[in-house]
Amino acid sequence: MILSEKILTLRKKNGWSQEELAEKLNVTRQSVSKWESAASIPDITKLLELARIFDVTTDYLLKDDMEEPEYSPYQETSGGPRVSVQEANHYISCMKSSGKLTGLATMLCILCPTPLFLLAGFSESSIVSLSENMAGGLGIILLLLLVSAAVAIFIYDDARMKQFKYLKSYDFELEYGVSGIIREKRSAFEGKHTRSMIVGTALCILCPVPLFIAGFADASDQICVLMLVLLFCIVSVAVYLFISEDAVKDSYDLLLLEGKFGTEERSQNNRVQKFSRFYWPIITAIYLGWSFVTRQWQFTWIVWVIAGLVYSAVASLLKKEE
């Protein structure tokens, strides 16, 4: 791999545009473009700066036979705090527990209507001796209690993770050797993350199967209610897997400023986050309003399926490069 290819690869790996790299080196974008196209080569001063910025040795940049990066103790100084291996490990550990807490709180939000389903479905049976109004009132109380517990978990976790707020500003640098350790940890974790994503996706696809079986078998209303509750349980488990495992992956990517925390990806994700802030509250209001007005809880869950598909489509459009 020649020098031009290495500059291009390292720039993209750090998530920088040609303009951003040129600004760091105090050169024009055209100069960077010429380096990457092998139309010219940087002088010795710029080579030293490139090695420092990319955290590699000059030997790696200059020797064509060196294919794998050789990391250097010299890093670009951001002026922000330096993160040691102990601090990085502490952050990763906290993100693991944060992912589990966030996943649990989200599960509670998904499962909050299920007591209402069960009480409404069994209110007139011999199992539960409750009037329809009593069952509805008790179900709503339990729904609100579950939502309150979820909100309490969200608030607690947010307060606990405020100690790492400086990382979210991206104004930090890793001490020498830390990036290599994190890359090794992320590489070892990738297999587990992939398996969790596969299981979660499969659960999302298969979640309606119990309800379909109950419908095909012409089951009683009570059995259909149980199958509907099972559907919500399966979806909640899938969402828990997505959130808890992605939180760990995000901790590695944030420390390395890679993946969705690269410069270009951050810009795209900011647009998606702004859209999410008003989109999901509106969807929740539509779901609850429709459900309470029609009392057709066994059908209104379809709102989440449609909302999820629409969100994925819009998010993909927002992430496209302009």
Protein backbone atom coordinates (compact mmCIF):
# COMPACT_ATOMS: atom_id res chain seq x y z
CA MET A 1 0.00 0.00 0.00
CA ILE A 2 1.49 3.30 -1.09
CA LEU A 3 1.45 6.61 0.80
CA SER A 4 -1.57 8.03 -1.06
CA GLU A 5 -3.68 4.96 -0.26
CA LYS A 6 -2.65 5.08 3.40
CA ILE A 7 -3.63 8.75 3.75
CA LEU A 8 -7.01 8.03 2.15
CA THR A 9 -7.62 4.95 4.33
CA LEU A 10 -6.62 6.65 7.58
CA ARG A 11 -8.70 9.74 6.80
CA LYS A 12 -11.83 7.68 6.17
CA LYS A 13 -11.14 5.51 9.22
CA ASN A 14 -11.21 8.65 11.37
CA GLY A 15 -14.40 9.83 9.68
CA TRP A 16 -12.89 13.06 8.35
CA SER A 17 -13.61 14.80 5.07
CA GLN A 18 -10.79 16.18 2.94
CA GLU A 19 -11.71 19.66 4.13
CA GLU A 20 -11.46 18.62 7.79
CA LEU A 21 -8.06 16.98 7.33
CA ALA A 22 -6.83 20.00 5.38
CA GLU A 23 -7.93 22.29 8.23
CA LYS A 24 -6.02 20.21 10.78
CA LEU A 25 -2.87 20.44 8.61
CA ASN A 26 -3.39 24.10 7.64
CA VAL A 27 -3.36 23.25 3.93
CA THR A 28 -5.96 23.44 1.17
CA ARG A 29 -8.41 20.68 0.34
CA GLN A 30 -6.80 20.48 -3.10
CA SER A 31 -3.49 19.56 -1.46
CA VAL A 32 -5.09 16.66 0.39
CA SER A 33 -6.84 15.58 -2.82
CA LYS A 34 -3.51 15.57 -4.68
CA TRP A 35 -1.87 13.50 -1.91
CA GLU A 36 -4.65 10.92 -2.03
CA SER A 37 -4.55 10.70 -5.83
CA ALA A 38 -0.73 10.39 -5.81
CA ALA A 39 -0.45 13.58 -7.89
CA SER A 40 1.92 14.95 -5.25
CA ILE A 41 3.39 13.99 -1.89
CA PRO A 42 3.46 15.97 1.37
CA ASP A 43 6.75 17.48 2.49
CA ILE A 44 8.56 16.15 5.55
CA THR A 45 6.85 18.62 7.90
CA LYS A 46 3.39 17.56 6.77
CA LEU A 47 4.39 13.90 6.94
CA LEU A 48 5.29 14.34 10.60
CA GLU A 49 1.98 16.11 11.22
CA LEU A 50 0.07 13.33 9.41
CA ALA A 51 1.78 10.73 11.59
CA ARG A 52 0.84 12.66 14.72
CA ILE A 53 -2.75 13.27 13.66
CA PHE A 54 -3.36 9.67 12.56
CA ASP A 55 -1.47 8.28 15.58
CA VAL A 56 0.83 6.16 13.40
CA THR A 57 4.56 6.05 12.81
CA THR A 58 6.26 7.76 9.89
CA ASP A 59 7.71 4.36 8.96
CA TYR A 60 4.21 3.06 8.34
CA LEU A 61 3.40 6.03 6.09
CA LEU A 62 6.62 5.84 4.08
CA LYS A 63 7.22 2.10 3.74
CA ASP A 64 5.03 0.58 1.03
CA ASP A 65 5.56 -2.95 2.34
CA MET A 66 3.93 -2.11 5.71
CA GLU A 67 0.25 -2.98 5.23
CA GLU A 68 -0.93 -2.89 8.87
CA PRO A 69 -0.82 0.41 10.77
CA GLU A 70 1.98 0.82 13.30
CA TYR A 71 0.61 3.01 16.07
CA SER A 72 2.65 5.77 17.63
CA PRO A 73 2.62 7.32 21.10
CA TYR A 74 2.16 10.74 19.52
CA GLN A 75 -1.41 11.93 19.27
CA GLU A 76 -3.15 15.08 18.18
CA THR A 77 -3.73 17.26 21.18
CA SER A 78 -7.36 18.28 21.45
CA GLY A 79 -6.98 20.27 24.65
CA GLY A 80 -9.54 18.00 26.29
CA PRO A 81 -9.04 15.38 29.01
CA ARG A 82 -6.88 12.33 28.39
CA VAL A 83 -8.63 9.01 28.93
CA SER A 84 -6.59 6.25 30.61
CA VAL A 85 -7.22 2.54 30.18
CA GLN A 86 -8.80 2.42 33.66
CA GLU A 87 -11.20 5.24 32.79
CA ALA A 88 -12.03 3.62 29.45
CA ASN A 89 -12.78 0.28 31.13
CA HIS A 90 -14.92 2.05 33.73
CA TYR A 91 -16.92 3.79 31.01
CA ILE A 92 -17.43 0.53 29.09
CA SER A 93 -18.56 -1.21 32.29
CA CYS A 94 -21.02 1.59 33.08
CA MET A 95 -22.36 1.50 29.53
CA LYS A 96 -23.03 -2.22 29.88
CA SER A 97 -25.16 -1.65 32.97
CA SER A 98 -26.73 1.43 31.36
CA GLY A 99 -27.74 -0.64 28.35
CA LYS A 100 -29.39 -3.18 30.61
CA LEU A 101 -31.24 -0.51 32.59
CA THR A 102 -32.38 1.29 29.45
CA GLY A 103 -33.44 -2.03 27.94
CA LEU A 104 -35.41 -2.89 31.08
CA ALA A 105 -37.14 0.51 31.15
CA THR A 106 -38.03 0.17 27.47
CA MET A 107 -39.43 -3.31 28.13
CA LEU A 108 -41.68 -1.84 30.82
CA CYS A 109 -42.92 0.78 28.35
CA ILE A 110 -43.72 -1.92 25.80
CA LEU A 111 -45.39 -4.20 28.35
CA CYS A 112 -47.36 -1.47 30.15
CA PRO A 113 -50.64 -2.12 28.22
CA THR A 114 -50.57 -5.88 28.89
CA PRO A 115 -52.27 -5.73 32.34
CA LEU A 116 -55.10 -3.80 30.67
CA PHE A 117 -55.37 -6.48 27.97
CA LEU A 118 -55.47 -9.28 30.52
CA LEU A 119 -57.96 -7.65 32.86
CA ALA A 120 -60.25 -6.58 30.01
CA GLY A 121 -60.05 -9.98 28.36
CA PHE A 122 -60.75 -11.97 31.52
CA SER A 123 -63.11 -9.53 33.29
CA GLU A 124 -66.23 -11.45 32.31
CA SER A 125 -64.77 -14.92 32.75
CA SER A 126 -64.92 -17.17 35.79
CA ILE A 127 -61.20 -16.60 36.40
CA VAL A 128 -61.48 -12.88 37.22
CA SER A 129 -64.68 -11.56 38.75
CA LEU A 130 -64.51 -7.87 37.81
CA SER A 131 -66.84 -5.51 36.04
CA GLU A 132 -65.69 -4.04 32.75
CA ASN A 133 -65.25 -0.58 34.29
CA MET A 134 -63.34 -1.98 37.26
CA ALA A 135 -61.08 -4.02 35.00
CA GLY A 136 -60.42 -0.98 32.78
CA GLY A 137 -59.67 1.30 35.73
CA LEU A 138 -57.34 -1.21 37.39
CA GLY A 139 -55.62 -1.87 34.08
CA ILE A 140 -54.95 1.83 33.53
CA ILE A 141 -53.56 2.14 37.07
CA LEU A 142 -51.15 -0.73 36.45
CA LEU A 143 -50.22 0.79 33.07
CA LEU A 144 -49.33 4.10 34.74
CA LEU A 145 -47.35 2.32 37.47
CA LEU A 146 -45.25 0.50 34.86
CA VAL A 147 -44.66 3.71 32.92
CA SER A 148 -43.69 5.49 36.16
CA ALA A 149 -41.18 2.75 36.97
CA ALA A 150 -39.72 3.03 33.47
CA VAL A 151 -39.38 6.81 33.73
CA ALA A 152 -37.73 6.47 37.14
CA ILE A 153 -35.16 4.07 35.65
CA PHE A 154 -34.49 6.45 32.74
CA ILE A 155 -33.93 9.38 35.11
CA TYR A 156 -31.70 7.35 37.44
CA ASP A 157 -29.57 6.05 34.58
CA ASP A 158 -29.25 9.50 33.00
CA ALA A 159 -28.05 10.95 36.31
CA ARG A 160 -25.59 8.08 36.78
CA MET A 161 -24.06 8.55 33.31
CA LYS A 162 -23.60 12.33 33.59
CA GLN A 163 -20.06 11.73 34.83
CA PHE A 164 -19.16 10.79 31.24
CA LYS A 165 -20.70 13.88 29.66
CA TYR A 166 -17.27 15.09 28.55
CA LEU A 167 -16.98 12.09 26.23
CA LYS A 168 -20.16 13.10 24.40
CA SER A 169 -18.53 16.41 23.49
CA TYR A 170 -15.84 14.39 21.59
CA ASP A 171 -13.23 16.73 23.09
CA PHE A 172 -10.95 14.07 24.56
CA GLU A 173 -7.97 11.96 23.62
CA LEU A 174 -6.88 8.46 24.55
CA GLU A 175 -3.61 7.82 26.31
CA TYR A 176 -0.99 5.85 24.43
CA GLY A 177 -1.96 2.21 23.89
CA VAL A 178 -5.59 2.62 24.95
CA SER A 179 -6.97 2.61 21.41
CA GLY A 180 -5.32 -0.74 20.68
CA ILE A 181 -6.81 -2.30 23.83
CA ILE A 182 -10.28 -0.99 22.98
CA ARG A 183 -10.04 -2.30 19.43
CA GLU A 184 -9.16 -5.75 20.77
CA LYS A 185 -12.12 -5.68 23.17
CA ARG A 186 -14.47 -4.55 20.40
CA SER A 187 -13.21 -7.27 18.09
CA ALA A 188 -13.86 -9.90 20.77
CA PHE A 189 -17.36 -8.48 21.36
CA GLU A 190 -18.44 -8.34 17.72
CA GLY A 191 -19.43 -12.02 17.61
CA LYS A 192 -21.79 -11.67 20.58
CA HIS A 193 -23.25 -8.46 19.18
CA THR A 194 -23.95 -10.11 15.82
CA ARG A 195 -25.66 -13.10 17.46
CA SER A 196 -27.83 -10.80 19.58
CA MET A 197 -28.86 -8.80 16.52
CA ILE A 198 -29.77 -12.01 14.68
CA VAL A 199 -31.86 -13.31 17.60
CA GLY A 200 -33.56 -9.92 18.12
CA THR A 201 -34.42 -9.60 14.43
CA ALA A 202 -35.78 -13.16 14.32
CA LEU A 203 -37.96 -12.47 17.37
CA CYS A 204 -39.37 -9.32 15.72
CA ILE A 205 -40.24 -11.28 12.59
CA LEU A 206 -41.79 -14.21 14.48
CA CYS A 207 -43.64 -12.23 17.18
CA PRO A 208 -47.08 -12.33 15.43
CA VAL A 209 -46.98 -16.12 15.00
CA PRO A 210 -48.74 -16.96 18.33
CA LEU A 211 -51.55 -14.53 17.47
CA PHE A 212 -51.87 -15.98 13.95
CA ILE A 213 -52.06 -19.51 15.36
CA ALA A 214 -54.81 -18.49 17.78
CA GLY A 215 -56.74 -16.90 14.91
CA PHE A 216 -56.36 -19.89 12.61
CA ALA A 217 -57.43 -22.25 15.40
CA ASP A 218 -60.52 -20.13 16.12
CA ALA A 219 -59.42 -19.89 19.75
CA SER A 220 -61.46 -18.21 22.47
CA ASP A 221 -61.15 -14.51 23.25
CA GLN A 222 -59.16 -15.28 26.39
CA ILE A 223 -56.62 -17.35 24.43
CA CYS A 224 -56.31 -14.56 21.84
CA VAL A 225 -55.61 -12.09 24.65
CA LEU A 226 -52.89 -14.35 26.03
CA MET A 227 -51.34 -14.65 22.57
CA LEU A 228 -51.43 -10.86 22.20
CA VAL A 229 -49.64 -10.47 25.53
CA LEU A 230 -47.09 -13.08 24.38
CA LEU A 231 -46.51 -10.98 21.25
CA PHE A 232 -45.68 -7.95 23.39
CA CYS A 233 -43.36 -10.06 25.55
CA ILE A 234 -41.46 -11.34 22.51
CA VAL A 235 -41.09 -7.82 21.11
CA SER A 236 -39.88 -6.51 24.47
CA VAL A 237 -37.19 -9.21 24.66
CA ALA A 238 -36.03 -8.33 21.13
CA VAL A 239 -35.86 -4.63 21.98
CA TYR A 240 -33.93 -5.42 25.17
CA LEU A 241 -31.33 -7.31 23.13
CA PHE A 242 -31.01 -4.46 20.64
CA ILE A 243 -30.60 -1.77 23.30
CA SER A 244 -28.35 -3.62 25.76
CA GLU A 245 -25.92 -4.93 23.12
CA ASP A 246 -25.84 -1.71 21.09
CA ALA A 247 -24.96 0.23 24.24
CA VAL A 248 -21.77 -1.82 24.63
CA LYS A 249 -20.86 -1.43 20.95
CA ASP A 250 -21.50 2.31 21.19
CA SER A 251 -19.11 2.57 24.14
CA TYR A 252 -16.27 1.12 22.03
CA ASP A 253 -17.13 3.23 18.98
CA LEU A 254 -17.39 6.44 21.02
CA LEU A 255 -13.99 6.00 22.63
CA LEU A 256 -12.46 5.32 19.20
CA LEU A 257 -14.59 8.01 17.49
CA GLU A 258 -15.52 5.47 14.86
CA GLY A 259 -18.75 4.02 13.49
CA LYS A 260 -21.69 6.32 14.07
CA PHE A 261 -19.44 8.58 16.17
CA GLY A 262 -17.22 9.43 13.22
CA THR A 263 -17.47 13.03 12.04
CA GLU A 264 -19.70 12.40 9.01
CA GLU A 265 -21.86 9.83 10.81
CA ARG A 266 -22.39 12.19 13.77
CA SER A 267 -23.78 14.82 11.44
CA GLN A 268 -26.19 12.29 9.94
CA ASN A 269 -27.25 10.89 13.32
CA ASN A 270 -27.92 14.39 14.69
CA ARG A 271 -30.60 14.82 12.03
CA VAL A 272 -32.15 11.48 12.95
CA GLN A 273 -32.11 12.34 16.68
CA LYS A 274 -33.88 15.65 16.04
CA PHE A 275 -36.55 13.79 14.07
CA SER A 276 -36.91 11.14 16.83
CA ARG A 277 -37.53 13.75 19.53
CA PHE A 278 -40.91 14.69 18.14
CA TYR A 279 -41.76 11.58 16.08
CA TRP A 280 -42.05 8.96 18.86
CA PRO A 281 -44.03 11.16 21.30
CA ILE A 282 -46.54 11.80 18.49
CA ILE A 283 -46.77 8.07 17.73
CA THR A 284 -47.29 7.30 21.44
CA ALA A 285 -50.07 9.89 21.64
CA ILE A 286 -51.74 8.42 18.54
CA TYR A 287 -51.51 4.89 19.95
CA LEU A 288 -52.93 5.78 23.36
CA GLY A 289 -55.61 8.08 21.92
CA TRP A 290 -56.82 5.50 19.42
CA SER A 291 -56.71 2.71 22.00
CA PHE A 292 -58.63 4.56 24.72
CA VAL A 293 -61.26 5.91 22.33
CA THR A 294 -61.95 2.65 20.48
CA ARG A 295 -60.98 0.20 23.27
CA GLN A 296 -59.67 -2.05 20.49
CA TRP A 297 -56.33 -2.77 22.16
CA GLN A 298 -56.06 -6.07 20.30
CA PHE A 299 -55.74 -4.13 17.03
CA THR A 300 -54.17 -0.77 17.87
CA TRP A 301 -50.71 -2.30 18.42
CA ILE A 302 -50.35 -2.25 14.63
CA VAL A 303 -49.51 1.46 15.06
CA TRP A 304 -46.05 0.48 16.30
CA VAL A 305 -45.38 -1.80 13.33
CA ILE A 306 -46.32 0.91 10.83
CA ALA A 307 -44.47 3.58 12.84
CA GLY A 308 -41.33 1.45 12.91
CA LEU A 309 -41.36 0.96 9.14
CA VAL A 310 -41.96 4.67 8.52
CA TYR A 311 -39.21 5.62 10.98
CA SER A 312 -36.70 3.30 9.27
CA ALA A 313 -37.50 4.78 5.86
CA VAL A 314 -37.26 8.40 7.05
CA ALA A 315 -34.07 7.73 9.03
CA SER A 316 -32.46 6.20 5.94
CA LEU A 317 -33.35 9.29 3.92
CA LEU A 318 -31.97 11.62 6.61
CA LYS A 319 -28.71 9.66 6.74
CA LYS A 320 -28.07 9.99 3.01
CA GLU A 321 -25.19 12.27 2.23
CA GLU A 322 -26.18 15.56 0.75
